């Protein structure tokens, strides 16, 4: 899958994680909480503009009613911020 990230002009992202969650996510002192597997971790600063990332993930064998989320966590030094959230809800059939 491909994910596009748009960074606003007033922020430089210093770390970005993209991964799969079973319904919980957040930020910890060393990165994301509840993200398993982590599909990508970018440590290079992302400047303002659009950035596209290719992700590879093998869908696990689960019950058909399982809900998973494609999630993100990013942090910034200027301004100091750390944000997590869901990009998409995935339903396995």
C-alpha atoms as a PDB file:
ATOM      1  CA  UNK A   1       0.000   0.000   0.000  1.00  0.00           C
ATOM      2  CA  UNK A   2       1.083   3.585  -0.516  1.00  0.00           C
ATOM      3  CA  UNK A   3       0.609   6.338   2.053  1.00  0.00           C
ATOM      4  CA  UNK A   4       0.961  10.054   1.325  1.00  0.00           C
ATOM      5  CA  UNK A   5       1.949  12.354   4.192  1.00  0.00           C
ATOM      6  CA  UNK A   6       1.495  16.108   3.826  1.00  0.00           C
ATOM      7  CA  UNK A   7       3.636  18.170   6.205  1.00  0.00           C
ATOM      8  CA  UNK A   8       2.424  21.750   6.836  1.00  0.00           C
ATOM      9  CA  UNK A   9       4.831  24.669   6.342  1.00  0.00           C
ATOM     10  CA  UNK A  10       5.303  25.424  10.053  1.00  0.00           C
ATOM     11  CA  UNK A  11       6.377  21.869  11.065  1.00  0.00           C
ATOM     12  CA  UNK A  12       9.398  19.682  10.419  1.00  0.00           C
ATOM     13  CA  UNK A  13       8.677  16.070  11.345  1.00  0.00           C
ATOM     14  CA  UNK A  14      11.727  14.538  13.009  1.00  0.00           C
ATOM     15  CA  UNK A  15      10.397  10.960  13.325  1.00  0.00           C
ATOM     16  CA  UNK A  16       7.524   9.106  11.652  1.00  0.00           C
ATOM     17  CA  UNK A  17       6.157   5.621  12.276  1.00  0.00           C
ATOM     18  CA  UNK A  18       3.480   3.835  10.217  1.00  0.00           C
ATOM     19  CA  UNK A  19       2.038   0.525  11.328  1.00  0.00           C
ATOM     20  CA  UNK A  20      -0.904  -1.677  12.241  1.00  0.00           C
ATOM     21  CA  UNK A  21      -2.898  -1.500  15.483  1.00  0.00           C
ATOM     22  CA  UNK A  22      -5.666  -3.626  17.000  1.00  0.00           C
ATOM     23  CA  UNK A  23      -7.468  -0.552  18.327  1.00  0.00           C
ATOM     24  CA  UNK A  24      -5.102   1.310  20.653  1.00  0.00           C
ATOM     25  CA  UNK A  25      -2.390   3.786  19.790  1.00  0.00           C
ATOM     26  CA  UNK A  26      -0.402   6.518  21.410  1.00  0.00           C
ATOM     27  CA  UNK A  27       3.034   7.964  22.030  1.00  0.00           C
ATOM     28  CA  UNK A  28       5.597   6.586  24.435  1.00  0.00           C
ATOM     29  CA  UNK A  29       9.029   7.844  25.425  1.00  0.00           C
ATOM     30  CA  UNK A  30      10.665   5.656  22.759  1.00  0.00           C
ATOM     31  CA  UNK A  31       8.034   5.766  20.024  1.00  0.00           C
ATOM     32  CA  UNK A  32       4.562   4.432  19.308  1.00  0.00           C
ATOM     33  CA  UNK A  33       2.399   2.402  21.676  1.00  0.00           C
ATOM     34  CA  UNK A  34       0.032  -0.287  20.365  1.00  0.00           C
ATOM     35  CA  UNK A  35       1.552  -0.452  16.882  1.00  0.00           C
ATOM     36  CA  UNK A  36       2.383  -4.039  15.930  1.00  0.00           C
ATOM     37  CA  UNK A  37       3.781  -4.535  13.392  1.00  0.00           C
ATOM     38  CA  UNK A  38       5.614  -1.306  12.681  1.00  0.00           C
ATOM     39  CA  UNK A  39       5.669  -1.145   8.883  1.00  0.00           C
ATOM     40  CA  UNK A  40       7.944   1.882   8.544  1.00  0.00           C
ATOM     41  CA  UNK A  41      10.064   4.113  10.774  1.00  0.00           C
ATOM     42  CA  UNK A  42      11.612   7.200   9.210  1.00  0.00           C
ATOM     43  CA  UNK A  43      14.259   9.049  11.199  1.00  0.00           C
ATOM     44  CA  UNK A  44      15.183  11.608   8.552  1.00  0.00           C
ATOM     45  CA  UNK A  45      13.503  15.006   8.956  1.00  0.00           C
ATOM     46  CA  UNK A  46      10.512  15.535   6.677  1.00  0.00           C
ATOM     47  CA  UNK A  47      10.191  19.107   5.486  1.00  0.00           C
ATOM     48  CA  UNK A  48       7.015  20.850   4.359  1.00  0.00           C
ATOM     49  CA  UNK A  49       5.266  19.267   1.402  1.00  0.00           C
ATOM     50  CA  UNK A  50       4.002  15.879   0.271  1.00  0.00           C
ATOM     51  CA  UNK A  51       5.930  12.654   0.936  1.00  0.00           C
ATOM     52  CA  UNK A  52       4.811   9.220  -0.313  1.00  0.00           C
ATOM     53  CA  UNK A  53       5.789   5.940   1.336  1.00  0.00           C
ATOM     54  CA  UNK A  54       5.354   2.383   0.121  1.00  0.00           C
ATOM     55  CA  UNK A  55       4.413  -0.148   2.808  1.00  0.00           C
ATOM     56  CA  UNK A  56       4.437  -3.937   2.620  1.00  0.00           C
ATOM     57  CA  UNK A  57       2.306  -6.001   4.951  1.00  0.00           C
ATOM     58  CA  UNK A  58       1.209  -9.610   4.897  1.00  0.00           C
ATOM     59  CA  UNK A  59      -2.351  -9.873   6.163  1.00  0.00           C
ATOM     60  CA  UNK A  60      -2.442 -12.260   9.145  1.00  0.00           C
ATOM     61  CA  UNK A  61      -4.829 -15.201   9.409  1.00  0.00           C
ATOM     62  CA  UNK A  62      -7.548 -13.941  11.734  1.00  0.00           C
ATOM     63  CA  UNK A  63     -11.254 -14.238  12.330  1.00  0.00           C
ATOM     64  CA  UNK A  64     -13.295 -12.501   9.659  1.00  0.00           C
ATOM     65  CA  UNK A  65     -14.678  -9.972  12.157  1.00  0.00           C
ATOM     66  CA  UNK A  66     -11.232  -8.699  13.165  1.00  0.00           C
ATOM     67  CA  UNK A  67     -10.742  -4.942  12.861  1.00  0.00           C
ATOM     68  CA  UNK A  68      -7.300  -3.498  12.361  1.00  0.00           C
ATOM     69  CA  UNK A  69      -6.132   0.071  11.851  1.00  0.00           C
ATOM     70  CA  UNK A  70      -3.384   1.615   9.768  1.00  0.00           C
ATOM     71  CA  UNK A  71      -1.907   4.074  12.272  1.00  0.00           C
ATOM     72  CA  UNK A  72       0.718   6.802  12.419  1.00  0.00           C
ATOM     73  CA  UNK A  73       2.858   8.430  15.071  1.00  0.00           C
ATOM     74  CA  UNK A  74       5.043  11.448  14.386  1.00  0.00           C
ATOM     75  CA  UNK A  75       7.130  13.793  16.452  1.00  0.00           C
ATOM     76  CA  UNK A  76       8.609  17.224  15.909  1.00  0.00           C
ATOM     77  CA  UNK A  77      11.176  19.358  17.761  1.00  0.00           C
ATOM     78  CA  UNK A  78      10.045  22.677  16.305  1.00  0.00           C
ATOM     79  CA  UNK A  79       7.349  23.111  17.471  1.00  0.00           C
ATOM     80  CA  UNK A  80       7.644  20.379  20.118  1.00  0.00           C
ATOM     81  CA  UNK A  81       4.859  17.895  19.398  1.00  0.00           C
ATOM     82  CA  UNK A  82       4.046  14.211  19.319  1.00  0.00           C
ATOM     83  CA  UNK A  83       0.884  12.974  17.586  1.00  0.00           C
ATOM     84  CA  UNK A  84      -0.732   9.569  16.937  1.00  0.00           C
ATOM     85  CA  UNK A  85      -3.862   8.505  15.135  1.00  0.00           C
ATOM     86  CA  UNK A  86      -5.568   6.198  12.689  1.00  0.00           C
ATOM     87  CA  UNK A  87      -5.282   6.642   8.932  1.00  0.00           C
ATOM     88  CA  UNK A  88      -7.731   3.885   7.982  1.00  0.00           C
ATOM     89  CA  UNK A  89      -9.838   1.130   9.525  1.00  0.00           C
ATOM     90  CA  UNK A  90      -9.151  -2.245   7.897  1.00  0.00           C
ATOM     91  CA  UNK A  91     -11.766  -5.008   7.968  1.00  0.00           C
ATOM     92  CA  UNK A  92     -10.636  -8.511   7.142  1.00  0.00           C
ATOM     93  CA  UNK A  93     -13.161 -10.609   5.246  1.00  0.00           C
END
